[in-house]
C-alpha cells in the first residue's frame, strides 16, 4: 500500500514570493509553512489518501466560499511506495 499525501497552501500574493514558493519540493513547502512562515497569511492543509478505499475531495483557494477568490493556490503531492 502506498502512502499518498497532498499538501496545499492558499497564499496571499501580497505577502509571499509565489514564484519562489512554487519551486519548493513537497518537504520544503511543508517545512516552510509549518516552521518558517513569518506572515501567517496562508491557509495550509495536509491530506493523506488511503489507496484502499474510494476517495473524493476538492482542493480550492480559501476564499472560494465567499465568491471572490484572491489567493493563489499551490498544491504538492508525495507518494511513498510500499
Protein backbone atom coordinates (compact mmCIF):
# COMPACT_ATOMS: atom_id res chain seq x y z
CA UNK A 1 0.00 0.00 0.00
CA UNK A 2 1.37 3.40 -0.97
CA UNK A 3 1.24 6.46 1.27
CA UNK A 4 -0.25 9.35 -0.69
CA UNK A 5 -0.03 12.83 0.80
CA UNK A 6 -1.36 16.08 -0.62
CA UNK A 7 -0.25 19.41 0.85
CA UNK A 8 -1.97 22.62 -0.21
CA UNK A 9 -1.33 26.26 0.62
CA UNK A 10 -3.74 29.04 -0.23
CA UNK A 11 -1.47 32.09 -0.07
CA UNK A 12 -1.95 35.83 -0.22
CA UNK A 13 0.29 37.18 -3.01
CA UNK A 14 0.84 40.44 -1.14
CA UNK A 15 2.96 38.67 1.48
CA UNK A 16 4.65 35.77 -0.33
CA UNK A 17 7.01 35.31 -3.26
CA UNK A 18 4.76 32.94 -5.21
CA UNK A 19 7.41 32.13 -7.83
CA UNK A 20 9.94 31.14 -5.15
CA UNK A 21 7.46 29.04 -3.18
CA UNK A 22 6.22 27.26 -6.30
CA UNK A 23 9.75 25.90 -6.84
CA UNK A 24 9.86 24.25 -3.40
CA UNK A 25 9.70 20.48 -3.05
CA UNK A 26 6.92 18.87 -1.03
CA UNK A 27 9.12 18.61 2.07
CA UNK A 28 10.46 22.15 1.70
CA UNK A 29 6.95 23.58 1.43
CA UNK A 30 5.68 21.66 4.47
CA UNK A 31 8.69 22.82 6.49
CA UNK A 32 8.40 26.42 5.34
CA UNK A 33 4.71 26.83 6.15
CA UNK A 34 4.90 24.94 9.46
CA UNK A 35 8.13 26.45 10.83
CA UNK A 36 9.43 29.45 8.85
CA UNK A 37 6.35 31.37 7.72
CA UNK A 38 6.70 34.88 9.16
CA UNK A 39 3.44 36.24 7.80
CA UNK A 40 0.77 33.71 8.69
CA UNK A 41 -1.23 34.82 5.64
CA UNK A 42 -1.74 31.33 4.28
CA UNK A 43 -4.19 28.54 4.86
CA UNK A 44 -2.49 25.16 4.71
CA UNK A 45 -3.88 21.66 4.62
CA UNK A 46 -2.30 18.21 4.65
CA UNK A 47 -4.35 15.26 3.40
CA UNK A 48 -3.35 11.62 3.48
CA UNK A 49 -5.18 9.44 0.99
CA UNK A 50 -5.97 5.80 1.66
CA UNK A 51 -5.45 3.97 -1.63
CA UNK A 52 -7.56 1.02 -0.47
CA UNK A 53 -10.82 2.98 -0.32
CA UNK A 54 -12.61 5.32 -2.67
CA UNK A 55 -11.70 8.96 -2.15
CA UNK A 56 -13.03 12.22 -3.42
CA UNK A 57 -12.39 15.80 -2.44
CA UNK A 58 -11.93 19.39 -3.50
CA UNK A 59 -8.79 21.46 -3.25
CA UNK A 60 -9.60 25.13 -3.80
CA UNK A 61 -8.45 28.59 -2.66
CA UNK A 62 -9.65 29.54 0.81
CA UNK A 63 -11.89 32.37 -0.37
CA UNK A 64 -13.81 30.33 -2.93
CA UNK A 65 -16.73 30.12 -0.49
CA UNK A 66 -17.09 33.91 -0.46
CA UNK A 67 -17.28 34.09 -4.24
CA UNK A 68 -14.18 36.28 -4.56
CA UNK A 69 -11.06 34.14 -4.63
CA UNK A 70 -7.95 36.29 -4.49
CA UNK A 71 -5.41 33.84 -3.13
CA UNK A 72 -3.02 31.71 -5.11
CA UNK A 73 -3.45 28.00 -4.53
CA UNK A 74 -0.37 25.78 -4.62
CA UNK A 75 -0.66 22.01 -4.27
CA UNK A 76 2.12 19.48 -3.77
CA UNK A 77 1.80 15.71 -3.65
CA UNK A 78 4.10 12.96 -2.44
CA UNK A 79 3.70 9.24 -2.93
CA UNK A 80 5.81 6.87 -0.84
CA UNK A 81 5.75 3.42 -2.37
CA UNK A 82 5.36 0.19 -0.47
